[in-house]
């Protein structure tokens, strides 16, 4: 017969957390970060431009594993650049939509036009092209839901520790 253990209080959670290995601590913190970032993901998806819907569908929590400092667990909310089942790349253009692009003119002063490949294999010439205006939907989502994510993190970490303890230990 198993009995669930309920952690009551911050000091008890810290005591249990300190007894775990570093790898297990990182796993629990990563789980709590992922769960507490969900309100930010929902807000970012709601604020993302919906022309095709691909950009908003690709937004998620990204775990950045290339960390150099062992005490830091880097994670981010943003477009997940993965390949779909049919081989298409998801929303590589997200940074262009978010940050915008600048106007383009010919680099060489002697040239009078930019040269682009056309749709039917032809060539298109343009004197200049207009840039795209920035639409900072991720920054707005962060500003709107950062407080909720920070407040939820403590409760999510406590519940992750409780789940781990109940799954791996029995009360005597």
N, C-alpha and C. Protein backbone atom coordinates (compact mmCIF):
# COMPACT_ATOMS: atom_id res chain seq x y z
N UNK A 1 0.85 -1.18 0.00
CA UNK A 1 0.00 0.00 0.00
C UNK A 1 0.89 1.24 0.00
N UNK A 2 0.67 2.11 -0.94
CA UNK A 2 1.45 3.34 -1.01
C UNK A 2 0.65 4.48 -0.42
N UNK A 3 1.36 5.40 0.14
CA UNK A 3 0.73 6.56 0.75
C UNK A 3 1.42 7.80 0.21
N UNK A 4 0.65 8.77 -0.25
CA UNK A 4 1.23 9.99 -0.79
C UNK A 4 1.80 10.85 0.33
N UNK A 5 2.94 11.45 0.03
CA UNK A 5 3.58 12.36 0.98
C UNK A 5 3.28 13.78 0.54
N UNK A 6 2.80 14.59 1.43
CA UNK A 6 2.48 15.98 1.12
C UNK A 6 3.54 16.86 1.75
N UNK A 7 4.18 17.68 0.93
CA UNK A 7 5.20 18.60 1.43
C UNK A 7 4.51 19.86 1.90
N UNK A 8 4.71 20.19 3.16
CA UNK A 8 4.10 21.41 3.69
C UNK A 8 5.22 22.33 4.15
N UNK A 9 5.37 23.42 3.47
CA UNK A 9 6.37 24.40 3.87
C UNK A 9 7.58 24.42 2.96
N UNK A 10 8.13 25.59 2.89
CA UNK A 10 9.28 25.84 2.03
C UNK A 10 10.52 25.12 2.53
N UNK A 11 10.73 25.11 3.84
CA UNK A 11 11.95 24.52 4.40
C UNK A 11 12.00 23.01 4.16
N UNK A 12 10.85 22.35 4.23
CA UNK A 12 10.82 20.91 3.98
C UNK A 12 11.13 20.60 2.52
N UNK A 13 10.60 21.41 1.61
CA UNK A 13 10.87 21.22 0.18
C UNK A 13 12.35 21.44 -0.12
N UNK A 14 12.95 22.46 0.50
CA UNK A 14 14.37 22.74 0.29
C UNK A 14 15.22 21.61 0.85
N UNK A 15 14.83 21.07 2.01
CA UNK A 15 15.59 19.97 2.62
C UNK A 15 15.58 18.74 1.71
N UNK A 16 14.41 18.39 1.18
CA UNK A 16 14.31 17.24 0.27
C UNK A 16 15.08 17.52 -1.02
N UNK A 17 14.96 18.73 -1.52
CA UNK A 17 15.62 19.11 -2.77
C UNK A 17 17.14 19.03 -2.64
N UNK A 18 17.67 19.45 -1.50
CA UNK A 18 19.12 19.43 -1.29
C UNK A 18 19.68 18.02 -1.18
N UNK A 19 18.85 17.05 -0.82
CA UNK A 19 19.31 15.67 -0.69
C UNK A 19 19.40 14.96 -2.03
N UNK A 20 18.81 15.53 -3.07
CA UNK A 20 18.82 14.89 -4.38
C UNK A 20 20.14 15.16 -5.10
N UNK A 21 20.43 14.33 -6.09
CA UNK A 21 21.64 14.54 -6.89
C UNK A 21 21.47 15.77 -7.78
N UNK A 22 22.59 16.28 -8.28
CA UNK A 22 22.55 17.47 -9.14
C UNK A 22 21.72 17.23 -10.39
N UNK A 23 21.87 16.05 -11.00
CA UNK A 23 21.13 15.75 -12.22
C UNK A 23 19.63 15.72 -11.94
N UNK A 24 19.24 15.14 -10.81
CA UNK A 24 17.81 15.08 -10.47
C UNK A 24 17.28 16.47 -10.14
N UNK A 25 18.08 17.30 -9.48
CA UNK A 25 17.67 18.67 -9.22
C UNK A 25 17.43 19.41 -10.53
N UNK A 26 18.34 19.24 -11.48
CA UNK A 26 18.19 19.91 -12.78
C UNK A 26 16.92 19.43 -13.50
N UNK A 27 16.65 18.13 -13.41
CA UNK A 27 15.45 17.58 -14.05
C UNK A 27 14.19 18.16 -13.43
N UNK A 28 14.14 18.23 -12.10
CA UNK A 28 12.96 18.77 -11.43
C UNK A 28 12.77 20.26 -11.72
N UNK A 29 13.87 21.01 -11.72
CA UNK A 29 13.76 22.44 -12.03
C UNK A 29 13.33 22.64 -13.48
N UNK A 30 13.85 21.81 -14.38
CA UNK A 30 13.46 21.91 -15.79
C UNK A 30 11.96 21.62 -15.96
N UNK A 31 11.45 20.60 -15.24
CA UNK A 31 10.02 20.28 -15.30
C UNK A 31 9.18 21.45 -14.78
N UNK A 32 9.62 22.03 -13.67
CA UNK A 32 8.87 23.15 -13.09
C UNK A 32 8.92 24.38 -14.00
N UNK A 33 10.08 24.64 -14.60
CA UNK A 33 10.18 25.77 -15.54
C UNK A 33 9.27 25.57 -16.74
N UNK A 34 9.25 24.36 -17.27
CA UNK A 34 8.39 24.06 -18.42
C UNK A 34 6.92 24.29 -18.08
N UNK A 35 6.51 23.82 -16.91
CA UNK A 35 5.11 23.95 -16.52
C UNK A 35 4.74 25.40 -16.21
N UNK A 36 5.64 26.13 -15.55
CA UNK A 36 5.33 27.51 -15.21
C UNK A 36 5.40 28.44 -16.41
N UNK A 37 6.03 28.01 -17.50
CA UNK A 37 6.10 28.84 -18.71
C UNK A 37 4.88 28.68 -19.61
N UNK A 38 3.99 27.77 -19.30
CA UNK A 38 2.83 27.53 -20.16
C UNK A 38 1.91 28.75 -20.30
N UNK A 39 1.67 29.56 -19.25
CA UNK A 39 0.87 30.77 -19.48
C UNK A 39 1.52 31.73 -20.48
N UNK A 40 2.85 31.80 -20.45
CA UNK A 40 3.56 32.66 -21.39
C UNK A 40 3.43 32.12 -22.82
N UNK A 41 3.48 30.80 -22.97
CA UNK A 41 3.31 30.19 -24.29
C UNK A 41 1.92 30.47 -24.82
N UNK A 42 0.92 30.34 -23.97
CA UNK A 42 -0.46 30.60 -24.40
C UNK A 42 -0.64 32.05 -24.82
N UNK A 43 -0.06 32.98 -24.07
CA UNK A 43 -0.15 34.40 -24.42
C UNK A 43 0.58 34.69 -25.72
N UNK A 44 1.76 34.09 -25.90
CA UNK A 44 2.53 34.31 -27.14
C UNK A 44 1.78 33.76 -28.34
N UNK A 45 1.15 32.60 -28.18
CA UNK A 45 0.37 32.04 -29.29
C UNK A 45 -0.83 32.92 -29.63
N UNK A 46 -1.44 33.50 -28.61
CA UNK A 46 -2.59 34.37 -28.86
C UNK A 46 -2.18 35.66 -29.55
N UNK A 47 -0.98 36.17 -29.26
CA UNK A 47 -0.52 37.43 -29.83
C UNK A 47 0.22 37.27 -31.15
N UNK A 48 0.60 36.07 -31.52
CA UNK A 48 1.35 35.85 -32.77
C UNK A 48 0.45 36.11 -33.98
N UNK A 49 1.03 36.63 -35.07
CA UNK A 49 0.25 36.83 -36.29
C UNK A 49 -0.30 35.50 -36.80
N UNK A 50 -1.51 35.53 -37.33
CA UNK A 50 -2.18 34.29 -37.70
C UNK A 50 -2.45 34.18 -39.19
N UNK A 51 -1.54 34.61 -40.03
CA UNK A 51 -1.78 34.55 -41.47
C UNK A 51 -1.98 33.10 -41.92
N UNK A 52 -1.05 32.21 -41.59
CA UNK A 52 -1.22 30.79 -41.89
C UNK A 52 -1.44 29.97 -40.63
N UNK A 53 -1.08 30.51 -39.48
CA UNK A 53 -1.20 29.79 -38.22
C UNK A 53 0.01 28.95 -37.89
N UNK A 54 0.96 28.84 -38.83
CA UNK A 54 2.14 28.02 -38.60
C UNK A 54 3.04 28.61 -37.52
N UNK A 55 3.14 29.92 -37.48
CA UNK A 55 3.98 30.58 -36.48
C UNK A 55 3.44 30.35 -35.07
N UNK A 56 2.15 30.53 -34.88
CA UNK A 56 1.59 30.35 -33.54
C UNK A 56 1.63 28.89 -33.10
N UNK A 57 1.49 27.96 -34.05
CA UNK A 57 1.57 26.54 -33.70
C UNK A 57 2.98 26.13 -33.31
N UNK A 58 3.97 26.83 -33.82
CA UNK A 58 5.35 26.43 -33.55
C UNK A 58 5.91 26.99 -32.25
N UNK A 59 5.16 27.84 -31.56
CA UNK A 59 5.66 28.43 -30.31
C UNK A 59 5.56 27.42 -29.18
N UNK A 60 6.64 27.29 -28.43
CA UNK A 60 6.67 26.36 -27.31
C UNK A 60 7.81 26.69 -26.38
N UNK A 61 8.02 25.84 -25.39
CA UNK A 61 9.12 26.00 -24.45
C UNK A 61 10.32 25.24 -25.01
N UNK A 62 11.43 25.93 -25.12
CA UNK A 62 12.64 25.34 -25.70
C UNK A 62 13.66 25.16 -24.59
N UNK A 63 14.21 23.97 -24.49
CA UNK A 63 15.27 23.70 -23.51
C UNK A 63 16.60 23.84 -24.22
N UNK A 64 17.38 24.81 -23.80
CA UNK A 64 18.69 25.07 -24.40
C UNK A 64 19.72 24.26 -23.63
N UNK A 65 20.19 23.20 -24.19
CA UNK A 65 21.06 22.27 -23.47
C UNK A 65 22.53 22.66 -23.50
N UNK A 66 22.92 23.60 -24.30
CA UNK A 66 24.33 23.96 -24.41
C UNK A 66 24.68 24.99 -23.35
N UNK A 67 24.57 24.59 -22.11
CA UNK A 67 24.88 25.51 -21.03
C UNK A 67 26.33 25.32 -20.60
N UNK A 68 26.98 26.41 -20.32
CA UNK A 68 28.38 26.38 -19.92
C UNK A 68 28.52 26.43 -18.40
N UNK A 69 27.55 27.02 -17.74
CA UNK A 69 27.61 27.15 -16.29
C UNK A 69 26.77 26.02 -15.69
N UNK A 70 27.34 25.19 -14.82
CA UNK A 70 26.57 24.04 -14.32
C UNK A 70 25.40 24.41 -13.43
N UNK A 71 25.36 25.62 -12.87
CA UNK A 71 24.26 25.99 -11.99
C UNK A 71 23.12 26.68 -12.74
N UNK A 72 23.26 26.87 -14.03
CA UNK A 72 22.25 27.56 -14.83
C UNK A 72 21.51 26.54 -15.69
N UNK A 73 20.18 26.66 -15.73
CA UNK A 73 19.37 25.80 -16.58
C UNK A 73 18.69 26.71 -17.61
N UNK A 74 19.28 26.85 -18.79
CA UNK A 74 18.73 27.80 -19.76
C UNK A 74 17.50 27.23 -20.48
N UNK A 75 16.42 28.01 -20.47
CA UNK A 75 15.19 27.66 -21.19
C UNK A 75 14.63 28.94 -21.77
N UNK A 76 13.84 28.79 -22.83
CA UNK A 76 13.28 29.96 -23.50
C UNK A 76 11.90 29.62 -24.04
N UNK A 77 11.08 30.65 -24.20
CA UNK A 77 9.79 30.52 -24.87
C UNK A 77 9.97 31.15 -26.23
N UNK A 78 9.68 30.40 -27.28
CA UNK A 78 9.85 30.93 -28.62
C UNK A 78 9.49 29.88 -29.65
N UNK A 79 9.65 30.21 -30.91
CA UNK A 79 9.36 29.24 -31.97
C UNK A 79 10.31 28.05 -31.89
N UNK A 80 9.74 26.87 -32.01
CA UNK A 80 10.52 25.65 -31.98
C UNK A 80 10.87 25.30 -33.42
N UNK A 81 12.14 25.31 -33.74
CA UNK A 81 12.56 25.05 -35.11
C UNK A 81 12.77 23.56 -35.30
N UNK A 82 11.71 22.87 -35.65
CA UNK A 82 11.80 21.44 -35.87
C UNK A 82 11.28 21.11 -37.26
N UNK A 83 11.54 19.91 -37.70
CA UNK A 83 11.09 19.47 -39.01
C UNK A 83 9.80 18.69 -38.83
N UNK A 84 8.80 18.99 -39.65
CA UNK A 84 7.52 18.30 -39.56
C UNK A 84 7.63 16.92 -40.21
N UNK A 85 6.55 16.16 -40.13
CA UNK A 85 6.54 14.81 -40.70
C UNK A 85 6.75 14.81 -42.21
N UNK A 86 6.25 15.84 -42.88
CA UNK A 86 6.42 15.89 -44.33
C UNK A 86 7.69 16.63 -44.75
N UNK A 87 8.59 16.92 -43.81
CA UNK A 87 9.89 17.47 -44.15
C UNK A 87 9.97 18.98 -44.22
N UNK A 88 8.92 19.69 -43.85
CA UNK A 88 8.95 21.15 -43.88
C UNK A 88 9.48 21.70 -42.57
N UNK A 89 10.19 22.81 -42.65
CA UNK A 89 10.73 23.44 -41.46
C UNK A 89 9.68 24.40 -40.91
N UNK A 90 9.51 24.40 -39.60
CA UNK A 90 8.49 25.24 -38.97
C UNK A 90 8.99 26.65 -38.70
N UNK A 91 8.33 27.62 -39.22
CA UNK A 91 8.43 29.03 -38.82
C UNK A 91 9.85 29.55 -38.65
N UNK A 92 10.70 29.32 -39.63
CA UNK A 92 12.05 29.87 -39.56
C UNK A 92 12.02 31.39 -39.64
N UNK A 93 10.93 31.92 -40.13
CA UNK A 93 10.79 33.36 -40.37
C UNK A 93 10.33 34.12 -39.13
N UNK A 94 10.23 33.46 -37.99
CA UNK A 94 9.69 34.09 -36.79
C UNK A 94 10.49 35.31 -36.36
N UNK A 95 11.80 35.25 -36.47
CA UNK A 95 12.61 36.41 -36.04
C UNK A 95 12.41 37.59 -36.96
N UNK A 96 12.12 37.36 -38.24
CA UNK A 96 11.86 38.46 -39.15
C UNK A 96 10.54 39.14 -38.81
N UNK A 97 9.54 38.34 -38.44
CA UNK A 97 8.24 38.90 -38.05
C UNK A 97 8.38 39.64 -36.72
N UNK A 98 9.09 39.05 -35.78
CA UNK A 98 9.21 39.64 -34.45
C UNK A 98 10.06 40.91 -34.45
N UNK A 99 11.24 40.85 -35.08
CA UNK A 99 12.16 41.98 -35.04
C UNK A 99 12.02 42.93 -36.22
N UNK A 100 11.35 42.50 -37.28
CA UNK A 100 11.22 43.32 -38.47
C UNK A 100 12.47 43.23 -39.34
N UNK A 101 12.38 43.84 -40.51
CA UNK A 101 13.52 43.88 -41.43
C UNK A 101 13.70 45.32 -41.89
N UNK A 102 14.88 45.62 -42.39
CA UNK A 102 15.15 46.99 -42.84
C UNK A 102 14.91 47.11 -44.34
N UNK A 103 14.81 48.34 -44.81
CA UNK A 103 14.67 48.59 -46.24
C UNK A 103 15.95 48.16 -46.94
N UNK A 104 15.79 47.63 -48.14
CA UNK A 104 16.96 47.19 -48.91
C UNK A 104 17.11 48.06 -50.14
N UNK A 105 18.32 48.51 -50.35
CA UNK A 105 18.69 49.28 -51.54
C UNK A 105 19.95 48.67 -52.12
N UNK A 106 20.27 48.95 -53.36
CA UNK A 106 21.51 48.40 -53.93
C UNK A 106 22.73 48.89 -53.16
N UNK A 107 23.66 47.99 -52.89
CA UNK A 107 24.87 48.36 -52.15
C UNK A 107 25.78 49.24 -53.00
N UNK A 108 25.90 48.89 -54.24
CA UNK A 108 26.77 49.65 -55.14
C UNK A 108 26.01 50.87 -55.64
N UNK A 109 26.59 52.04 -55.53
CA UNK A 109 25.91 53.27 -55.94
C UNK A 109 25.66 53.30 -57.45
N UNK A 110 26.51 52.63 -58.23
CA UNK A 110 26.35 52.64 -59.68
C UNK A 110 25.17 51.80 -60.13
N UNK A 111 24.87 50.77 -59.35
CA UNK A 111 23.72 49.94 -59.71
C UNK A 111 22.43 50.67 -59.37
N UNK A 112 21.44 50.45 -60.16
CA UNK A 112 20.18 51.16 -59.93
C UNK A 112 19.05 50.25 -59.48
N UNK A 113 19.31 48.94 -59.41
CA UNK A 113 18.23 48.02 -59.07
C UNK A 113 18.78 46.80 -58.35
N UNK A 114 17.89 46.20 -57.57
CA UNK A 114 18.17 44.92 -56.94
C UNK A 114 17.67 43.83 -57.87
N UNK A 115 18.29 42.68 -57.85
CA UNK A 115 17.92 41.59 -58.75
C UNK A 115 17.46 40.41 -57.90
N UNK A 116 16.25 39.92 -58.17
CA UNK A 116 15.68 38.79 -57.43
C UNK A 116 15.24 37.72 -58.41
N UNK A 117 15.28 36.45 -58.00
CA UNK A 117 14.73 35.40 -58.86
C UNK A 117 13.20 35.48 -58.86
N UNK A 118 12.61 35.32 -60.02
CA UNK A 118 11.16 35.38 -60.15
C UNK A 118 10.51 34.03 -59.92
N UNK A 119 9.20 34.00 -59.99
CA UNK A 119 8.46 32.76 -59.73
C UNK A 119 8.62 31.73 -60.84
N UNK A 120 8.56 32.15 -62.06
CA UNK A 120 8.61 31.24 -63.19
C UNK A 120 10.02 31.07 -63.73
N UNK A 121 11.03 31.32 -62.91
CA UNK A 121 12.40 31.18 -63.35
C UNK A 121 12.97 32.44 -63.95
N UNK A 122 12.18 33.49 -64.04
CA UNK A 122 12.65 34.75 -64.59
C UNK A 122 13.39 35.56 -63.54
N UNK A 123 13.66 36.80 -63.88
CA UNK A 123 14.37 37.70 -62.99
C UNK A 123 13.50 38.93 -62.75
N UNK A 124 13.46 39.40 -61.50
CA UNK A 124 12.70 40.59 -61.14
C UNK A 124 13.69 41.65 -60.67
N UNK A 125 13.53 42.87 -61.18
CA UNK A 125 14.38 43.98 -60.78
C UNK A 125 13.55 44.97 -59.97
N UNK A 126 14.15 45.51 -58.91
CA UNK A 126 13.47 46.51 -58.09
C UNK A 126 14.49 47.54 -57.64
N UNK A 127 14.07 48.82 -57.63
CA UNK A 127 14.98 49.88 -57.21
C UNK A 127 15.25 49.79 -55.71
N UNK A 128 14.26 49.38 -54.94
CA UNK A 128 14.42 49.16 -53.51
C UNK A 128 13.25 48.31 -53.03
N UNK A 129 13.41 47.74 -51.87
CA UNK A 129 12.31 46.97 -51.28
C UNK A 129 12.05 47.49 -49.88
N UNK A 130 10.80 47.49 -49.53
CA UNK A 130 10.42 47.95 -48.20
C UNK A 130 10.67 46.85 -47.18
N UNK A 131 11.13 47.23 -46.03
CA UNK A 131 11.31 46.28 -44.94
C UNK A 131 9.98 45.97 -44.28
N UNK A 132 10.01 45.02 -43.39
CA UNK A 132 8.80 44.63 -42.68
C UNK A 132 8.81 45.26 -41.29
N UNK A 133 7.69 45.78 -40.88
CA UNK A 133 7.57 46.41 -39.57
C UNK A 133 7.64 45.34 -38.48
N UNK A 134 8.30 45.65 -37.39
CA UNK A 134 8.44 44.70 -36.29
C UNK A 134 7.10 44.49 -35.59
N UNK A 135 6.83 43.24 -35.24
CA UNK A 135 5.65 42.88 -34.46
C UNK A 135 6.12 42.06 -33.27
N UNK A 136 6.53 42.70 -32.18
CA UNK A 136 7.17 42.00 -31.06
C UNK A 136 6.17 41.25 -30.17
N UNK A 137 5.58 40.19 -30.70
CA UNK A 137 4.57 39.44 -29.97
C UNK A 137 5.17 38.68 -28.79
N UNK A 138 6.40 38.21 -28.89
CA UNK A 138 7.02 37.49 -27.77
C UNK A 138 7.34 38.43 -26.61
N UNK A 139 7.82 39.62 -26.93
CA UNK A 139 8.13 40.60 -25.88
C UNK A 139 6.85 41.01 -25.17
N UNK A 140 5.78 41.23 -25.92
CA UNK A 140 4.50 41.60 -25.31
C UNK A 140 3.96 40.47 -24.44
N UNK A 141 4.11 39.23 -24.90
CA UNK A 141 3.66 38.09 -24.11
C UNK A 141 4.46 37.97 -22.82
N UNK A 142 5.76 38.23 -22.90
CA UNK A 142 6.60 38.19 -21.70
C UNK A 142 6.17 39.26 -20.71
N UNK A 143 5.97 40.48 -21.19
CA UNK A 143 5.56 41.57 -20.30
C UNK A 143 4.22 41.29 -19.65
N UNK A 144 3.32 40.64 -20.38
CA UNK A 144 1.98 40.40 -19.86
C UNK A 144 1.95 39.24 -18.86
N UNK A 145 2.74 38.19 -19.09
CA UNK A 145 2.57 37.00 -18.26
C UNK A 145 3.81 36.60 -17.46
N UNK A 146 4.80 37.46 -17.36
CA UNK A 146 6.01 37.11 -16.61
C UNK A 146 5.72 36.95 -15.12
N UNK A 147 4.91 37.83 -14.56
CA UNK A 147 4.60 37.74 -13.13
C UNK A 147 3.88 36.45 -12.79
N UNK A 148 2.93 36.04 -13.64
CA UNK A 148 2.21 34.80 -13.38
C UNK A 148 3.14 33.60 -13.46
N UNK A 149 4.07 33.61 -14.40
CA UNK A 149 5.01 32.50 -14.54
C UNK A 149 5.94 32.41 -13.34
N UNK A 150 6.41 33.54 -12.86
CA UNK A 150 7.31 33.54 -11.69
C UNK A 150 6.56 33.07 -10.45
N UNK A 151 5.32 33.52 -10.28
CA UNK A 151 4.54 33.12 -9.12
C UNK A 151 4.20 31.63 -9.15
N UNK A 152 3.97 31.08 -10.34
CA UNK A 152 3.63 29.67 -10.46
C UNK A 152 4.83 28.75 -10.28
N UNK A 153 6.04 29.28 -10.47
CA UNK A 153 7.22 28.42 -10.43
C UNK A 153 7.41 27.73 -9.09
N UNK A 154 7.21 28.44 -7.99
CA UNK A 154 7.37 27.83 -6.66
C UNK A 154 6.42 26.68 -6.44
N UNK A 155 5.15 26.88 -6.79
CA UNK A 155 4.17 25.81 -6.62
C UNK A 155 4.47 24.64 -7.55
N UNK A 156 4.91 24.94 -8.77
CA UNK A 156 5.23 23.87 -9.71
C UNK A 156 6.45 23.07 -9.27
N UNK A 157 7.44 23.74 -8.70
CA UNK A 157 8.63 23.03 -8.21
C UNK A 157 8.26 22.15 -7.02
N UNK A 158 7.42 22.66 -6.13
CA UNK A 158 6.99 21.85 -4.98
C UNK A 158 6.22 20.62 -5.45
N UNK A 159 5.32 20.79 -6.42
CA UNK A 159 4.56 19.64 -6.91
C UNK A 159 5.46 18.65 -7.65
N UNK A 160 6.49 19.14 -8.35
CA UNK A 160 7.43 18.23 -9.02
C UNK A 160 8.22 17.42 -8.00
N UNK A 161 8.63 18.06 -6.90
CA UNK A 161 9.34 17.34 -5.84
C UNK A 161 8.42 16.31 -5.20
N UNK A 162 7.16 16.68 -4.95
CA UNK A 162 6.20 15.74 -4.37
C UNK A 162 5.99 14.54 -5.28
N UNK A 163 5.83 14.78 -6.58
CA UNK A 163 5.65 13.67 -7.52
C UNK A 163 6.86 12.74 -7.51
N UNK A 164 8.06 13.34 -7.49
CA UNK A 164 9.28 12.53 -7.49
C UNK A 164 9.38 11.69 -6.22
N UNK A 165 9.11 12.30 -5.08
CA UNK A 165 9.20 11.58 -3.81
C UNK A 165 8.15 10.47 -3.75
N UNK A 166 6.93 10.75 -4.17
CA UNK A 166 5.87 9.75 -4.13
C UNK A 166 6.12 8.61 -5.12
N UNK A 167 6.79 8.90 -6.21
CA UNK A 167 7.07 7.88 -7.21
C UNK A 167 8.23 6.98 -6.79
N UNK A 168 9.20 7.54 -6.10
CA UNK A 168 10.43 6.80 -5.84
C UNK A 168 10.64 6.35 -4.39
N UNK A 169 9.89 6.89 -3.45
CA UNK A 169 10.09 6.54 -2.05
C UNK A 169 8.76 6.15 -1.42
N UNK A 170 8.83 5.31 -0.40
CA UNK A 170 7.63 4.93 0.34
C UNK A 170 7.76 5.41 1.77
N UNK A 171 6.64 5.82 2.32
CA UNK A 171 6.64 6.29 3.71
C UNK A 171 6.66 5.09 4.64
N UNK A 172 7.51 5.16 5.65
CA UNK A 172 7.65 4.02 6.58
C UNK A 172 6.88 4.31 7.85
